[in-house]
N, C-alpha and C. Protein backbone atom coordinates (compact mmCIF):
# COMPACT_ATOMS: atom_id res chain seq x y z
N MET A 1 -11.97 -2.70 19.21
CA MET A 1 -10.70 -3.42 19.15
C MET A 1 -9.76 -2.82 20.20
N ASP A 2 -9.15 -3.69 20.98
CA ASP A 2 -8.16 -3.18 21.91
C ASP A 2 -6.76 -3.48 21.38
N VAL A 3 -5.76 -2.99 22.06
CA VAL A 3 -4.38 -3.14 21.60
C VAL A 3 -4.01 -4.61 21.43
N ASP A 4 -4.33 -5.43 22.41
CA ASP A 4 -3.96 -6.85 22.34
C ASP A 4 -4.64 -7.55 21.17
N GLU A 5 -5.88 -7.21 20.89
CA GLU A 5 -6.59 -7.80 19.75
C GLU A 5 -5.93 -7.41 18.43
N ILE A 6 -5.53 -6.17 18.31
CA ILE A 6 -4.86 -5.72 17.09
C ILE A 6 -3.51 -6.42 16.94
N ILE A 7 -2.76 -6.51 18.02
CA ILE A 7 -1.46 -7.20 17.96
C ILE A 7 -1.64 -8.64 17.52
N LYS A 8 -2.59 -9.35 18.08
CA LYS A 8 -2.82 -10.74 17.71
C LYS A 8 -3.21 -10.84 16.24
N PHE A 9 -4.11 -9.96 15.80
CA PHE A 9 -4.54 -9.99 14.40
C PHE A 9 -3.34 -9.82 13.47
N ILE A 10 -2.50 -8.83 13.75
CA ILE A 10 -1.35 -8.56 12.88
C ILE A 10 -0.35 -9.72 12.95
N ASP A 11 -0.06 -10.22 14.14
CA ASP A 11 0.87 -11.35 14.27
C ASP A 11 0.38 -12.56 13.48
N ASP A 12 -0.93 -12.78 13.46
CA ASP A 12 -1.49 -13.93 12.74
C ASP A 12 -1.40 -13.80 11.23
N LEU A 13 -1.05 -12.63 10.72
CA LEU A 13 -0.90 -12.46 9.28
C LEU A 13 0.33 -13.20 8.76
N GLY A 14 1.28 -13.47 9.62
CA GLY A 14 2.46 -14.26 9.25
C GLY A 14 3.64 -13.41 8.84
N GLY A 15 4.83 -13.85 9.24
CA GLY A 15 6.06 -13.19 8.86
C GLY A 15 6.28 -11.84 9.53
N VAL A 16 5.50 -11.56 10.57
CA VAL A 16 5.55 -10.25 11.21
C VAL A 16 6.51 -10.27 12.40
N LEU A 17 7.36 -9.28 12.45
CA LEU A 17 8.21 -9.04 13.61
C LEU A 17 7.54 -7.92 14.40
N THR A 18 7.12 -8.25 15.62
CA THR A 18 6.44 -7.29 16.48
C THR A 18 7.41 -6.83 17.55
N LEU A 19 7.65 -5.54 17.60
CA LEU A 19 8.55 -4.98 18.61
C LEU A 19 7.74 -4.16 19.60
N ARG A 20 7.96 -4.46 20.89
CA ARG A 20 7.30 -3.73 21.97
C ARG A 20 8.39 -3.19 22.88
N PRO A 21 8.94 -2.02 22.56
CA PRO A 21 10.05 -1.47 23.33
C PRO A 21 9.70 -1.29 24.81
N GLY A 22 10.72 -1.45 25.64
CA GLY A 22 10.53 -1.27 27.07
C GLY A 22 11.86 -1.05 27.76
N PRO A 23 11.81 -0.80 29.04
CA PRO A 23 13.03 -0.54 29.82
C PRO A 23 14.03 -1.68 29.67
N GLY A 24 15.30 -1.30 29.49
CA GLY A 24 16.37 -2.27 29.45
C GLY A 24 16.65 -2.89 28.10
N ASP A 25 15.89 -2.54 27.06
CA ASP A 25 16.14 -3.16 25.75
C ASP A 25 16.93 -2.24 24.81
N GLY A 26 17.35 -1.09 25.30
CA GLY A 26 18.14 -0.18 24.48
C GLY A 26 17.31 0.78 23.65
N SER A 27 16.01 0.68 23.70
CA SER A 27 15.15 1.57 22.91
C SER A 27 14.98 2.91 23.62
N PRO A 28 14.67 3.96 22.86
CA PRO A 28 14.44 5.26 23.49
C PRO A 28 13.21 5.20 24.40
N GLU A 29 13.28 5.86 25.52
CA GLU A 29 12.20 5.81 26.50
C GLU A 29 10.86 6.24 25.92
N ILE A 30 10.87 7.19 25.01
CA ILE A 30 9.60 7.67 24.45
C ILE A 30 8.84 6.55 23.74
N SER A 31 9.53 5.53 23.24
CA SER A 31 8.87 4.45 22.51
C SER A 31 8.31 3.36 23.42
N TRP A 32 8.66 3.39 24.69
CA TRP A 32 8.19 2.36 25.61
C TRP A 32 6.67 2.34 25.66
N GLY A 33 6.12 1.17 25.55
CA GLY A 33 4.67 1.00 25.59
C GLY A 33 4.02 1.03 24.23
N ASP A 34 4.74 1.42 23.20
CA ASP A 34 4.22 1.43 21.84
C ASP A 34 4.58 0.10 21.17
N THR A 35 4.00 -0.16 20.00
CA THR A 35 4.22 -1.42 19.30
C THR A 35 4.47 -1.12 17.83
N PHE A 36 5.46 -1.81 17.26
CA PHE A 36 5.89 -1.59 15.88
C PHE A 36 5.86 -2.92 15.13
N PHE A 37 5.27 -2.92 13.93
CA PHE A 37 5.10 -4.15 13.15
C PHE A 37 5.83 -4.03 11.81
N SER A 38 6.75 -4.95 11.59
CA SER A 38 7.47 -5.02 10.33
C SER A 38 7.29 -6.39 9.72
N TYR A 39 7.32 -6.45 8.41
CA TYR A 39 7.35 -7.76 7.77
C TYR A 39 8.81 -8.18 7.76
N ALA A 40 9.11 -9.22 8.51
CA ALA A 40 10.49 -9.70 8.66
C ALA A 40 10.44 -11.18 9.04
N PRO A 41 10.14 -12.05 8.07
CA PRO A 41 10.02 -13.47 8.39
C PRO A 41 11.31 -14.10 8.91
N ASP A 42 12.44 -13.41 8.69
CA ASP A 42 13.72 -13.91 9.20
C ASP A 42 13.95 -13.49 10.65
N GLY A 43 13.04 -12.67 11.20
CA GLY A 43 13.14 -12.25 12.59
C GLY A 43 14.17 -11.16 12.84
N VAL A 44 14.72 -10.61 11.77
CA VAL A 44 15.73 -9.56 11.88
C VAL A 44 15.06 -8.20 11.69
N VAL A 45 15.34 -7.28 12.60
CA VAL A 45 14.76 -5.94 12.51
C VAL A 45 15.24 -5.28 11.21
N PRO A 46 14.32 -4.88 10.34
CA PRO A 46 14.72 -4.23 9.09
C PRO A 46 15.43 -2.90 9.36
N THR A 47 16.46 -2.64 8.60
CA THR A 47 17.21 -1.39 8.75
C THR A 47 16.96 -0.44 7.58
N THR A 48 16.32 -0.92 6.53
CA THR A 48 16.13 -0.08 5.35
C THR A 48 14.66 0.24 5.06
N THR A 49 13.79 -0.11 5.97
CA THR A 49 12.38 0.16 5.76
C THR A 49 11.68 0.44 7.09
N GLN A 50 10.60 1.16 7.01
CA GLN A 50 9.81 1.49 8.20
C GLN A 50 8.83 0.36 8.49
N PRO A 51 8.32 0.29 9.72
CA PRO A 51 7.25 -0.66 10.00
C PRO A 51 6.05 -0.37 9.10
N PHE A 52 5.21 -1.37 8.87
CA PHE A 52 4.01 -1.14 8.06
C PHE A 52 2.84 -0.70 8.92
N ALA A 53 2.97 -0.86 10.24
CA ALA A 53 1.93 -0.41 11.16
C ALA A 53 2.56 -0.16 12.53
N THR A 54 1.95 0.73 13.28
CA THR A 54 2.39 1.01 14.65
C THR A 54 1.17 1.25 15.51
N ILE A 55 1.35 1.04 16.80
CA ILE A 55 0.36 1.43 17.79
C ILE A 55 1.08 2.35 18.75
N VAL A 56 0.59 3.58 18.86
CA VAL A 56 1.21 4.53 19.78
C VAL A 56 0.22 4.85 20.90
N THR A 57 0.77 5.01 22.07
CA THR A 57 -0.06 5.15 23.27
C THR A 57 0.10 6.50 23.95
N LYS A 58 0.87 7.37 23.33
CA LYS A 58 1.13 8.67 23.93
C LYS A 58 1.45 9.68 22.84
N ASP A 59 1.38 10.94 23.19
CA ASP A 59 1.78 11.99 22.26
C ASP A 59 3.29 11.98 22.09
N TYR A 60 3.74 12.23 20.87
CA TYR A 60 5.15 12.42 20.56
C TYR A 60 5.35 13.90 20.27
N PRO A 61 6.55 14.42 20.44
CA PRO A 61 6.80 15.82 20.10
C PRO A 61 6.41 16.09 18.64
N GLY A 62 5.61 17.12 18.43
CA GLY A 62 5.16 17.46 17.08
C GLY A 62 3.96 16.65 16.62
N ASP A 63 3.51 15.72 17.43
CA ASP A 63 2.36 14.88 17.08
C ASP A 63 1.45 14.77 18.30
N GLU A 64 0.84 15.91 18.64
CA GLU A 64 -0.01 15.97 19.83
C GLU A 64 -1.50 16.11 19.50
N ARG A 65 -1.83 16.28 18.21
CA ARG A 65 -3.21 16.61 17.84
C ARG A 65 -4.21 15.50 18.13
N SER A 66 -3.74 14.25 18.23
CA SER A 66 -4.67 13.15 18.54
C SER A 66 -4.94 13.04 20.04
N ARG A 67 -4.21 13.82 20.82
CA ARG A 67 -4.38 13.84 22.28
C ARG A 67 -4.35 12.43 22.87
N LEU A 68 -3.27 11.72 22.59
CA LEU A 68 -3.14 10.34 23.03
C LEU A 68 -2.80 10.22 24.51
N ASN A 69 -2.51 11.32 25.17
CA ASN A 69 -2.19 11.26 26.60
C ASN A 69 -3.43 11.14 27.48
N ARG A 70 -4.60 11.02 26.87
CA ARG A 70 -5.82 10.78 27.63
C ARG A 70 -5.84 9.32 28.10
N PRO A 71 -6.53 9.01 29.18
CA PRO A 71 -6.59 7.63 29.66
C PRO A 71 -7.21 6.68 28.62
N ASP A 72 -6.60 5.51 28.46
CA ASP A 72 -7.13 4.44 27.60
C ASP A 72 -7.27 4.84 26.13
N VAL A 73 -6.41 5.70 25.66
CA VAL A 73 -6.45 6.14 24.26
C VAL A 73 -5.16 5.70 23.58
N PHE A 74 -5.30 5.17 22.37
CA PHE A 74 -4.15 4.80 21.55
C PHE A 74 -4.51 5.07 20.10
N ARG A 75 -3.50 5.06 19.24
CA ARG A 75 -3.75 5.28 17.82
C ARG A 75 -3.03 4.20 17.02
N LEU A 76 -3.77 3.58 16.12
CA LEU A 76 -3.21 2.66 15.15
C LEU A 76 -2.83 3.46 13.92
N ASN A 77 -1.59 3.30 13.47
CA ASN A 77 -1.10 3.97 12.27
C ASN A 77 -0.72 2.88 11.28
N LEU A 78 -1.00 3.09 10.00
CA LEU A 78 -0.65 2.06 9.02
C LEU A 78 -0.45 2.65 7.64
N PHE A 79 0.36 1.93 6.86
CA PHE A 79 0.59 2.32 5.48
C PHE A 79 -0.01 1.25 4.59
N ALA A 80 -1.19 1.55 4.02
CA ALA A 80 -1.90 0.59 3.17
C ALA A 80 -1.83 0.98 1.69
N GLY A 81 -0.96 1.91 1.36
CA GLY A 81 -0.77 2.28 -0.04
C GLY A 81 -1.62 3.46 -0.48
N LYS A 82 -1.25 3.97 -1.65
CA LYS A 82 -1.87 5.17 -2.20
C LYS A 82 -3.36 4.98 -2.48
N ASP A 83 -3.73 3.83 -3.05
CA ASP A 83 -5.14 3.62 -3.39
C ASP A 83 -6.03 3.66 -2.15
N ALA A 84 -5.60 3.00 -1.09
CA ALA A 84 -6.38 3.01 0.15
C ALA A 84 -6.43 4.42 0.73
N PHE A 85 -5.31 5.12 0.68
CA PHE A 85 -5.28 6.48 1.20
C PHE A 85 -6.28 7.37 0.46
N VAL A 86 -6.25 7.31 -0.86
CA VAL A 86 -7.17 8.13 -1.67
C VAL A 86 -8.62 7.73 -1.39
N SER A 87 -8.86 6.44 -1.28
CA SER A 87 -10.21 5.96 -1.02
C SER A 87 -10.76 6.50 0.31
N TRP A 88 -9.91 6.55 1.32
CA TRP A 88 -10.37 6.98 2.64
C TRP A 88 -10.35 8.49 2.83
N THR A 89 -9.47 9.19 2.14
CA THR A 89 -9.35 10.63 2.39
C THR A 89 -9.89 11.50 1.26
N GLY A 90 -10.03 10.91 0.06
CA GLY A 90 -10.51 11.68 -1.08
C GLY A 90 -9.46 12.58 -1.70
N ARG A 91 -8.20 12.35 -1.35
CA ARG A 91 -7.13 13.17 -1.90
C ARG A 91 -5.87 12.33 -2.06
N GLN A 92 -4.96 12.84 -2.86
CA GLN A 92 -3.65 12.21 -3.01
C GLN A 92 -2.83 12.49 -1.75
N PRO A 93 -1.93 11.58 -1.39
CA PRO A 93 -1.14 11.80 -0.18
C PRO A 93 -0.40 13.14 -0.13
N ARG A 94 0.20 13.56 -1.22
CA ARG A 94 1.01 14.79 -1.19
C ARG A 94 0.18 16.06 -1.35
N ASP A 95 -1.12 15.90 -1.67
CA ASP A 95 -1.98 17.08 -1.78
C ASP A 95 -2.24 17.66 -0.38
N PRO A 96 -2.33 18.97 -0.29
CA PRO A 96 -2.61 19.57 1.01
C PRO A 96 -3.91 19.03 1.59
N GLY A 97 -3.89 18.72 2.85
CA GLY A 97 -5.07 18.19 3.51
C GLY A 97 -6.12 19.25 3.73
N THR A 98 -7.35 18.94 3.39
CA THR A 98 -8.47 19.83 3.67
C THR A 98 -9.46 19.11 4.57
N ASP A 99 -8.99 18.04 5.19
CA ASP A 99 -9.84 17.23 6.06
C ASP A 99 -10.10 17.99 7.35
N ASP A 100 -11.36 18.21 7.66
CA ASP A 100 -11.73 18.92 8.87
C ASP A 100 -11.92 17.98 10.06
N THR A 101 -11.67 16.68 9.87
CA THR A 101 -11.85 15.71 10.95
C THR A 101 -10.84 15.97 12.05
N ASP A 102 -11.32 16.05 13.26
CA ASP A 102 -10.45 16.20 14.42
C ASP A 102 -9.64 14.92 14.57
N PRO A 103 -8.31 14.98 14.57
CA PRO A 103 -7.50 13.78 14.66
C PRO A 103 -7.60 13.06 16.00
N ALA A 104 -8.34 13.62 16.94
CA ALA A 104 -8.53 12.96 18.23
C ALA A 104 -9.84 12.17 18.29
N VAL A 105 -10.66 12.27 17.25
CA VAL A 105 -11.94 11.56 17.24
C VAL A 105 -11.68 10.06 17.12
N ALA A 106 -12.34 9.30 17.97
CA ALA A 106 -12.15 7.85 17.98
C ALA A 106 -12.95 7.17 16.88
N ASP A 107 -12.47 5.97 16.51
CA ASP A 107 -13.18 5.06 15.62
C ASP A 107 -13.47 5.67 14.25
N THR A 108 -12.49 6.42 13.72
CA THR A 108 -12.63 7.08 12.43
C THR A 108 -11.30 6.95 11.68
N VAL A 109 -11.35 6.48 10.44
CA VAL A 109 -10.14 6.39 9.62
C VAL A 109 -9.84 7.78 9.08
N ILE A 110 -8.62 8.26 9.33
CA ILE A 110 -8.20 9.59 8.89
C ILE A 110 -6.80 9.52 8.29
N ALA A 111 -6.43 10.58 7.59
CA ALA A 111 -5.03 10.73 7.20
C ALA A 111 -4.23 10.93 8.48
N HIS A 112 -3.10 10.27 8.59
CA HIS A 112 -2.27 10.43 9.79
C HIS A 112 -1.98 11.92 9.97
N PRO A 113 -2.11 12.45 11.20
CA PRO A 113 -1.94 13.89 11.39
C PRO A 113 -0.55 14.43 11.08
N VAL A 114 0.46 13.59 11.05
CA VAL A 114 1.81 14.03 10.70
C VAL A 114 2.28 13.40 9.40
N TYR A 115 2.04 12.11 9.22
CA TYR A 115 2.57 11.38 8.06
C TYR A 115 1.54 11.12 6.97
N GLY A 116 0.42 11.83 7.01
CA GLY A 116 -0.58 11.70 5.97
C GLY A 116 -0.04 12.03 4.60
N GLU A 117 0.83 13.03 4.52
CA GLU A 117 1.37 13.40 3.20
C GLU A 117 2.26 12.30 2.62
N LEU A 118 2.63 11.31 3.44
CA LEU A 118 3.39 10.16 2.96
C LEU A 118 2.47 8.96 2.71
N GLY A 119 1.16 9.16 2.87
CA GLY A 119 0.20 8.11 2.58
C GLY A 119 -0.23 7.26 3.77
N TRP A 120 0.14 7.68 4.97
CA TRP A 120 -0.23 6.91 6.16
C TRP A 120 -1.65 7.27 6.62
N LEU A 121 -2.36 6.26 7.08
CA LEU A 121 -3.68 6.42 7.67
C LEU A 121 -3.59 6.16 9.17
N ALA A 122 -4.59 6.60 9.91
CA ALA A 122 -4.59 6.42 11.36
C ALA A 122 -6.02 6.26 11.86
N VAL A 123 -6.14 5.56 13.00
CA VAL A 123 -7.43 5.41 13.67
C VAL A 123 -7.17 5.46 15.17
N VAL A 124 -7.80 6.41 15.83
CA VAL A 124 -7.74 6.47 17.29
C VAL A 124 -8.78 5.49 17.82
N ASN A 125 -8.36 4.61 18.69
CA ASN A 125 -9.25 3.62 19.32
C ASN A 125 -10.24 3.01 18.32
N PRO A 126 -9.73 2.17 17.40
CA PRO A 126 -10.65 1.52 16.45
C PRO A 126 -11.76 0.81 17.20
N GLY A 127 -12.97 0.91 16.68
CA GLY A 127 -14.13 0.30 17.33
C GLY A 127 -15.08 -0.28 16.30
N PRO A 128 -16.35 -0.37 16.64
CA PRO A 128 -17.32 -1.04 15.78
C PRO A 128 -17.46 -0.42 14.39
N ARG A 129 -17.34 0.90 14.28
CA ARG A 129 -17.49 1.55 12.97
C ARG A 129 -16.35 1.21 12.04
N THR A 130 -15.14 1.02 12.58
CA THR A 130 -13.96 0.86 11.72
C THR A 130 -13.33 -0.53 11.78
N GLU A 131 -13.83 -1.43 12.61
CA GLU A 131 -13.16 -2.72 12.79
C GLU A 131 -12.94 -3.47 11.48
N ALA A 132 -13.97 -3.61 10.67
CA ALA A 132 -13.82 -4.34 9.41
C ALA A 132 -12.83 -3.62 8.49
N ALA A 133 -12.94 -2.30 8.41
CA ALA A 133 -12.02 -1.53 7.57
C ALA A 133 -10.59 -1.65 8.07
N VAL A 134 -10.40 -1.58 9.38
CA VAL A 134 -9.06 -1.69 9.95
C VAL A 134 -8.45 -3.05 9.61
N ARG A 135 -9.22 -4.10 9.73
CA ARG A 135 -8.71 -5.43 9.38
C ARG A 135 -8.30 -5.49 7.90
N ASP A 136 -9.14 -4.94 7.03
CA ASP A 136 -8.81 -4.92 5.59
C ASP A 136 -7.57 -4.07 5.33
N LEU A 137 -7.50 -2.91 5.95
CA LEU A 137 -6.34 -2.04 5.75
C LEU A 137 -5.06 -2.70 6.26
N LEU A 138 -5.14 -3.39 7.39
CA LEU A 138 -3.96 -4.08 7.92
C LEU A 138 -3.53 -5.23 7.01
N ARG A 139 -4.49 -5.94 6.44
CA ARG A 139 -4.14 -7.00 5.48
C ARG A 139 -3.41 -6.40 4.28
N THR A 140 -3.91 -5.27 3.80
CA THR A 140 -3.29 -4.60 2.66
C THR A 140 -1.89 -4.10 3.03
N ALA A 141 -1.76 -3.48 4.18
CA ALA A 141 -0.45 -2.99 4.63
C ALA A 141 0.55 -4.14 4.74
N HIS A 142 0.11 -5.26 5.28
CA HIS A 142 0.96 -6.44 5.41
C HIS A 142 1.36 -6.96 4.03
N ARG A 143 0.40 -7.06 3.12
CA ARG A 143 0.68 -7.55 1.77
C ARG A 143 1.70 -6.65 1.06
N LEU A 144 1.55 -5.35 1.19
CA LEU A 144 2.49 -4.42 0.57
C LEU A 144 3.88 -4.55 1.19
N ALA A 145 3.94 -4.69 2.51
CA ALA A 145 5.24 -4.84 3.19
C ALA A 145 5.90 -6.15 2.77
N ARG A 146 5.12 -7.21 2.65
CA ARG A 146 5.66 -8.50 2.20
C ARG A 146 6.21 -8.37 0.78
N ALA A 147 5.48 -7.71 -0.09
CA ALA A 147 5.94 -7.53 -1.47
C ALA A 147 7.24 -6.74 -1.52
N ARG A 148 7.37 -5.69 -0.70
CA ARG A 148 8.63 -4.93 -0.65
C ARG A 148 9.77 -5.82 -0.17
N TYR A 149 9.50 -6.61 0.86
CA TYR A 149 10.51 -7.52 1.40
C TYR A 149 10.97 -8.50 0.31
N GLU A 150 10.03 -9.08 -0.40
CA GLU A 150 10.36 -10.07 -1.44
C GLU A 150 11.12 -9.44 -2.59
N ARG A 151 10.77 -8.21 -2.98
CA ARG A 151 11.53 -7.52 -4.04
C ARG A 151 12.96 -7.29 -3.61
N ARG A 152 13.16 -6.87 -2.36
CA ARG A 152 14.52 -6.63 -1.85
C ARG A 152 15.30 -7.94 -1.78
N ALA A 153 14.63 -9.01 -1.39
CA ALA A 153 15.30 -10.31 -1.28
C ALA A 153 15.77 -10.80 -2.65
N GLU A 154 15.02 -10.48 -3.70
CA GLU A 154 15.40 -10.90 -5.05
C GLU A 154 16.66 -10.19 -5.54
N THR A 155 16.91 -8.99 -5.05
CA THR A 155 18.06 -8.22 -5.53
C THR A 155 19.33 -8.47 -4.71
N ARG A 156 19.22 -9.27 -3.67
CA ARG A 156 20.42 -9.57 -2.86
C ARG A 156 21.28 -10.61 -3.49
C-alpha cells in the first residue's frame, strides 16, 4: 500500500476530512507532507478531538525510533480502540510495553512507539502482510471516530 492508496481508502469511508499541510496554509512546517484524517462530515476541522489516523513521512522530535527519514518510508498511525490494540499487541494500552519488535520494521502492526500507551497502533510501509489488517483497522478507527462525533452532536 502506498500513501495515495491509503488516502483514497480512508476518504472513501465517508465523512472524512483529510488534511495535508503544506507551505502557505498556516500549518507548522514539521507537519508539511504528512496527512491527518478526522471524521468531520461538516468539513470543519475538529477542535476537541484528535484525528483517527495519520500518515507521517518523517521523524518528529521524540519519535525517531521508526527511522522515517529513510527514503520512501512512511508510517500509518491509527486509533482502532482498546480491543484491537490488545488483539495486536497482547497487552493493555497502559501496561508497560514488552514488545521487542523494532518500530522501524516495515509491514508489521505494532504499538505506536510513542502513543502506544494511549492505544494507538502503527505500521511502517504497510504491505502484503498487513494490507487486509490495515484496511480492517482503518474501518474500525473510522467507525469509532464517527460514533464519537455522533455522541458529541447529540449533546449540542
